Amino acid sequence: MKHLIPRLLRLVTGLLLLPACAAVTMTLLETLRCVGDNSVLMSPQTLWLCGGFFLWLAVWFLLPQPIQAYVMAHELTHALWGLLFGARVRDFNVSARGGSVRVSRSNLLITLAPYFFPFYTVAVILLRVLLGLFIMPVPYPLLWLFLVGLTWGFHVCFTVQSLMIRQPDIQEHGRIFSWVLIYLFNLVGVGLWVVCTTKAVAGDFVIALAANTAASYAFILTFIARLLK
């Protein structure tokens, strides 16, 4: 019973967050559509972002998977988030067969970080921000979006593949709860990266996210109220 109650609470929380998943999806699509010329269905920014993503899909299905590169990113992400929360990191090991890292403390974010924190995408964004400190405007703006799409495709493919098999990281906090959080954090992260690499405004993204979240929960409450009549 002691373990059952926390599991049930996490399951209920995951289900309650599903409308938020719909809201962040709509917000991201609206942001991408409004970044460029509103007269076209997909802006050049969206096309380059999607181009990088679909190029990675081609690489994923046609070429050998760079498993060691993913393992490296996975364990580095555990280590990085451990450091952010004041943990000590030791025994870092990476190989093509797998990897491991020991941190002196753990929590939900440290455990799930590799599934929502795309290490190589963040590296691309930080490199662009660093370059922007010395060169303005940053050259080849669409290329940076292409690299974001490419590296995020890498993250998505390996994350989905990992979630299809039993993962101790996921089992620790429950599948539904973990999957919903991973989805939310991934989409919010993409929205923030689009804000960082395009003329999209962070304030507009936050306002749209709040409005879509309110609308999603209002829709669910109205639907439930109609069912109960």
Protein backbone atom coordinates (compact mmCIF):
# COMPACT_ATOMS: atom_id res chain seq x y z
CA MET A 1 0.00 0.00 0.00
CA LYS A 2 2.89 2.35 0.81
CA HIS A 3 4.16 2.08 -2.77
CA LEU A 4 0.71 1.86 -4.39
CA ILE A 5 -0.45 5.37 -3.37
CA PRO A 6 2.53 7.21 -4.95
CA ARG A 7 2.09 5.14 -8.13
CA LEU A 8 -1.60 6.05 -8.32
CA LEU A 9 -0.81 9.72 -7.72
CA ARG A 10 1.74 9.71 -10.53
CA LEU A 11 -0.74 7.96 -12.85
CA VAL A 12 -3.49 10.51 -12.09
CA THR A 13 -1.03 13.38 -12.52
CA GLY A 14 0.04 12.01 -15.90
CA LEU A 15 -3.56 11.76 -17.08
CA LEU A 16 -4.32 15.29 -15.83
CA LEU A 17 -1.38 16.61 -17.86
CA LEU A 18 -2.67 15.22 -21.18
CA PRO A 19 -4.58 18.45 -22.07
CA ALA A 20 -1.35 20.35 -21.45
CA CYS A 21 0.32 18.08 -24.02
CA ALA A 22 -2.31 19.12 -26.57
CA ALA A 23 -1.82 22.77 -25.64
CA VAL A 24 1.94 22.79 -26.07
CA THR A 25 1.58 20.96 -29.41
CA MET A 26 -0.82 23.63 -30.72
CA THR A 27 1.41 26.42 -29.41
CA LEU A 28 4.49 25.04 -31.15
CA LEU A 29 2.64 24.68 -34.45
CA GLU A 30 1.28 28.23 -34.18
CA THR A 31 4.75 29.58 -33.40
CA LEU A 32 6.32 27.84 -36.37
CA ARG A 33 3.56 29.03 -38.70
CA CYS A 34 3.92 32.65 -37.58
CA VAL A 35 7.71 32.86 -37.66
CA GLY A 36 7.91 33.64 -41.37
CA ASP A 37 5.56 34.93 -44.01
CA ASN A 38 1.98 34.45 -42.84
CA SER A 39 0.83 34.20 -46.46
CA VAL A 40 2.38 30.74 -46.86
CA LEU A 41 1.43 27.52 -45.13
CA MET A 42 4.98 26.79 -43.96
CA SER A 43 7.62 29.44 -43.43
CA PRO A 44 11.21 28.96 -44.68
CA GLN A 45 12.23 28.54 -41.03
CA THR A 46 9.77 25.68 -40.61
CA LEU A 47 10.92 24.06 -43.85
CA TRP A 48 14.59 24.15 -42.82
CA LEU A 49 13.78 22.85 -39.34
CA CYS A 50 11.73 20.00 -40.83
CA GLY A 51 14.40 19.43 -43.49
CA GLY A 52 17.00 18.70 -40.83
CA PHE A 53 14.59 16.43 -38.99
CA PHE A 54 13.67 14.41 -42.10
CA LEU A 55 17.29 14.15 -43.19
CA TRP A 56 18.01 12.52 -39.86
CA LEU A 57 15.11 10.10 -40.43
CA ALA A 58 16.75 9.09 -43.71
CA VAL A 59 20.06 8.57 -41.90
CA TRP A 60 18.28 6.58 -39.19
CA PHE A 61 16.68 4.12 -41.59
CA LEU A 62 19.43 3.87 -44.22
CA LEU A 63 22.72 4.01 -42.29
CA PRO A 64 24.15 2.27 -39.19
CA GLN A 65 22.93 3.87 -35.99
CA PRO A 66 25.59 5.90 -34.10
CA ILE A 67 24.78 4.15 -30.84
CA GLN A 68 27.93 5.22 -29.03
CA ALA A 69 27.18 8.88 -29.77
CA TYR A 70 23.75 8.44 -28.17
CA VAL A 71 25.15 6.60 -25.16
CA MET A 72 27.65 9.41 -24.70
CA ALA A 73 24.88 12.03 -24.78
CA HIS A 74 22.67 9.95 -22.46
CA GLU A 75 25.27 9.56 -19.73
CA LEU A 76 26.58 13.13 -20.10
CA THR A 77 23.01 14.37 -19.62
CA HIS A 78 22.62 12.37 -16.41
CA ALA A 79 25.93 13.80 -15.23
CA LEU A 80 25.10 17.38 -16.24
CA TRP A 81 21.72 17.40 -14.51
CA GLY A 82 23.29 15.74 -11.49
CA LEU A 83 25.81 18.58 -11.30
CA LEU A 84 23.01 21.14 -11.66
CA PHE A 85 21.41 19.68 -8.53
CA GLY A 86 24.66 19.59 -6.58
CA ALA A 87 25.44 15.90 -6.99
CA ARG A 88 28.91 14.43 -7.28
CA VAL A 89 29.59 12.55 -10.50
CA ARG A 90 31.90 9.56 -10.75
CA ASP A 91 32.48 6.29 -12.60
CA PHE A 92 31.59 7.65 -16.05
CA ASN A 93 31.77 4.89 -18.66
CA VAL A 94 30.69 4.85 -22.31
CA SER A 95 30.99 2.19 -25.00
CA ALA A 96 29.03 0.94 -28.00
CA ARG A 97 27.45 -1.69 -25.74
CA GLY A 98 26.17 0.78 -23.20
CA GLY A 99 27.22 3.23 -20.55
CA SER A 100 26.87 4.16 -16.93
CA VAL A 101 27.43 7.05 -14.58
CA ARG A 102 27.06 7.30 -10.82
CA VAL A 103 25.69 10.43 -9.17
CA SER A 104 25.56 10.98 -5.43
CA ARG A 105 21.90 11.99 -5.51
CA SER A 106 18.96 11.54 -7.83
CA ASN A 107 15.53 13.02 -8.49
CA LEU A 108 12.85 13.02 -11.18
CA LEU A 109 14.66 15.47 -13.47
CA ILE A 110 18.06 13.79 -13.17
CA THR A 111 16.49 10.41 -13.93
CA LEU A 112 14.40 11.50 -16.93
CA ALA A 113 16.73 14.20 -18.32
CA PRO A 114 18.22 12.11 -21.19
CA TYR A 115 14.70 11.61 -22.58
CA PHE A 116 13.74 15.30 -22.72
CA PHE A 117 17.09 17.11 -22.86
CA PRO A 118 18.54 16.76 -26.38
CA PHE A 119 22.22 17.14 -25.60
CA TYR A 120 23.46 17.81 -29.13
CA THR A 121 20.62 20.22 -29.92
CA VAL A 122 21.46 22.24 -26.84
CA ALA A 123 25.11 22.23 -27.94
CA VAL A 124 24.05 23.68 -31.32
CA ILE A 125 21.97 26.40 -29.64
CA LEU A 126 24.75 27.33 -27.22
CA LEU A 127 27.23 27.53 -30.09
CA ARG A 128 24.88 29.86 -31.97
CA VAL A 129 24.39 32.03 -28.88
CA LEU A 130 28.15 32.16 -28.34
CA LEU A 131 28.73 33.13 -31.96
CA GLY A 132 26.09 35.84 -31.59
CA LEU A 133 28.20 37.49 -28.89
CA PHE A 134 30.85 38.26 -31.51
CA ILE A 135 29.00 38.37 -34.84
CA MET A 136 25.66 40.08 -35.39
CA PRO A 137 23.60 39.12 -37.19
CA VAL A 138 24.57 35.47 -36.89
CA PRO A 139 25.34 34.16 -40.40
CA TYR A 140 23.30 31.42 -42.05
CA PRO A 141 20.26 31.63 -39.75
CA LEU A 142 18.38 28.92 -41.64
CA LEU A 143 21.34 26.54 -41.37
CA TRP A 144 21.17 26.77 -37.59
CA LEU A 145 17.52 25.76 -37.71
CA PHE A 146 18.47 22.88 -39.98
CA LEU A 147 21.02 21.70 -37.41
CA VAL A 148 18.42 22.03 -34.65
CA GLY A 149 16.07 19.81 -36.65
CA LEU A 150 18.84 17.32 -37.44
CA THR A 151 20.04 16.96 -33.86
CA TRP A 152 16.52 16.93 -32.47
CA GLY A 153 15.69 14.14 -34.92
CA PHE A 154 18.66 12.23 -33.47
CA HIS A 155 17.25 12.77 -29.99
CA VAL A 156 13.69 11.80 -30.90
CA CYS A 157 14.60 8.59 -32.73
CA PHE A 158 16.85 7.28 -29.99
CA THR A 159 14.39 8.36 -27.28
CA VAL A 160 11.47 6.56 -28.95
CA GLN A 161 13.63 3.47 -29.46
CA SER A 162 14.66 3.54 -25.81
CA LEU A 163 11.08 3.95 -24.58
CA MET A 164 10.00 0.86 -26.55
CA ILE A 165 12.06 -1.37 -24.26
CA ARG A 166 12.02 -1.67 -20.49
CA GLN A 167 13.95 1.23 -18.98
CA PRO A 168 14.72 1.40 -15.25
CA ASP A 169 14.64 5.21 -15.50
CA ILE A 170 11.03 5.05 -16.72
CA GLN A 171 9.88 2.26 -14.41
CA GLU A 172 11.09 4.20 -11.40
CA HIS A 173 8.44 6.92 -11.86
CA GLY A 174 5.76 5.04 -13.83
CA ARG A 175 5.30 4.85 -17.60
CA ILE A 176 2.31 7.17 -18.10
CA PHE A 177 3.67 9.89 -15.82
CA SER A 178 7.17 9.66 -17.32
CA TRP A 179 5.97 9.59 -20.94
CA VAL A 180 3.73 12.61 -20.46
CA LEU A 181 6.50 14.63 -18.80
CA ILE A 182 8.97 13.62 -21.51
CA TYR A 183 6.55 14.73 -24.22
CA LEU A 184 5.81 18.04 -22.49
CA PHE A 185 9.43 18.90 -21.82
CA ASN A 186 10.48 17.96 -25.34
CA LEU A 187 7.86 20.17 -27.01
CA VAL A 188 8.42 23.11 -24.67
CA GLY A 189 12.14 22.73 -25.34
CA VAL A 190 11.61 22.86 -29.11
CA GLY A 191 9.50 25.99 -28.66
CA LEU A 192 12.27 27.66 -26.68
CA TRP A 193 14.87 26.67 -29.28
CA VAL A 194 12.72 28.15 -32.03
CA VAL A 195 12.53 31.36 -29.99
CA CYS A 196 16.32 31.34 -29.60
CA THR A 197 17.03 30.77 -33.29
CA THR A 198 14.32 32.85 -35.02
CA LYS A 199 12.56 36.18 -34.63
CA ALA A 200 9.81 34.53 -32.54
CA VAL A 201 9.24 36.36 -29.25
CA ALA A 202 9.45 34.45 -25.99
CA GLY A 203 6.64 36.48 -24.44
CA ASP A 204 4.30 35.65 -27.31
CA PHE A 205 5.14 31.97 -26.96
CA VAL A 206 4.37 32.02 -23.23
CA ILE A 207 1.09 33.92 -23.74
CA ALA A 208 0.00 31.50 -26.49
CA LEU A 209 0.92 28.52 -24.33
CA ALA A 210 -1.11 29.87 -21.41
CA ALA A 211 -4.11 30.57 -23.66
CA ASN A 212 -4.00 27.15 -25.32
CA THR A 213 -3.60 25.43 -21.95
CA ALA A 214 -6.64 27.24 -20.56
CA ALA A 215 -8.64 26.38 -23.69
CA SER A 216 -7.64 22.71 -23.55
CA TYR A 217 -8.69 22.28 -19.93
CA ALA A 218 -11.88 24.27 -20.52
CA PHE A 219 -12.74 21.92 -23.40
CA ILE A 220 -12.17 18.85 -21.20
CA LEU A 221 -14.25 20.27 -18.34
CA THR A 222 -17.08 21.16 -20.73
CA PHE A 223 -16.97 17.70 -22.26
CA ILE A 224 -17.13 16.05 -18.82
CA ALA A 225 -19.97 18.33 -17.75
CA ARG A 226 -21.99 17.31 -20.82
CA LEU A 227 -21.39 13.63 -20.11
CA LEU A 228 -22.66 14.03 -16.54
CA LYS A 229 -25.91 15.72 -17.58
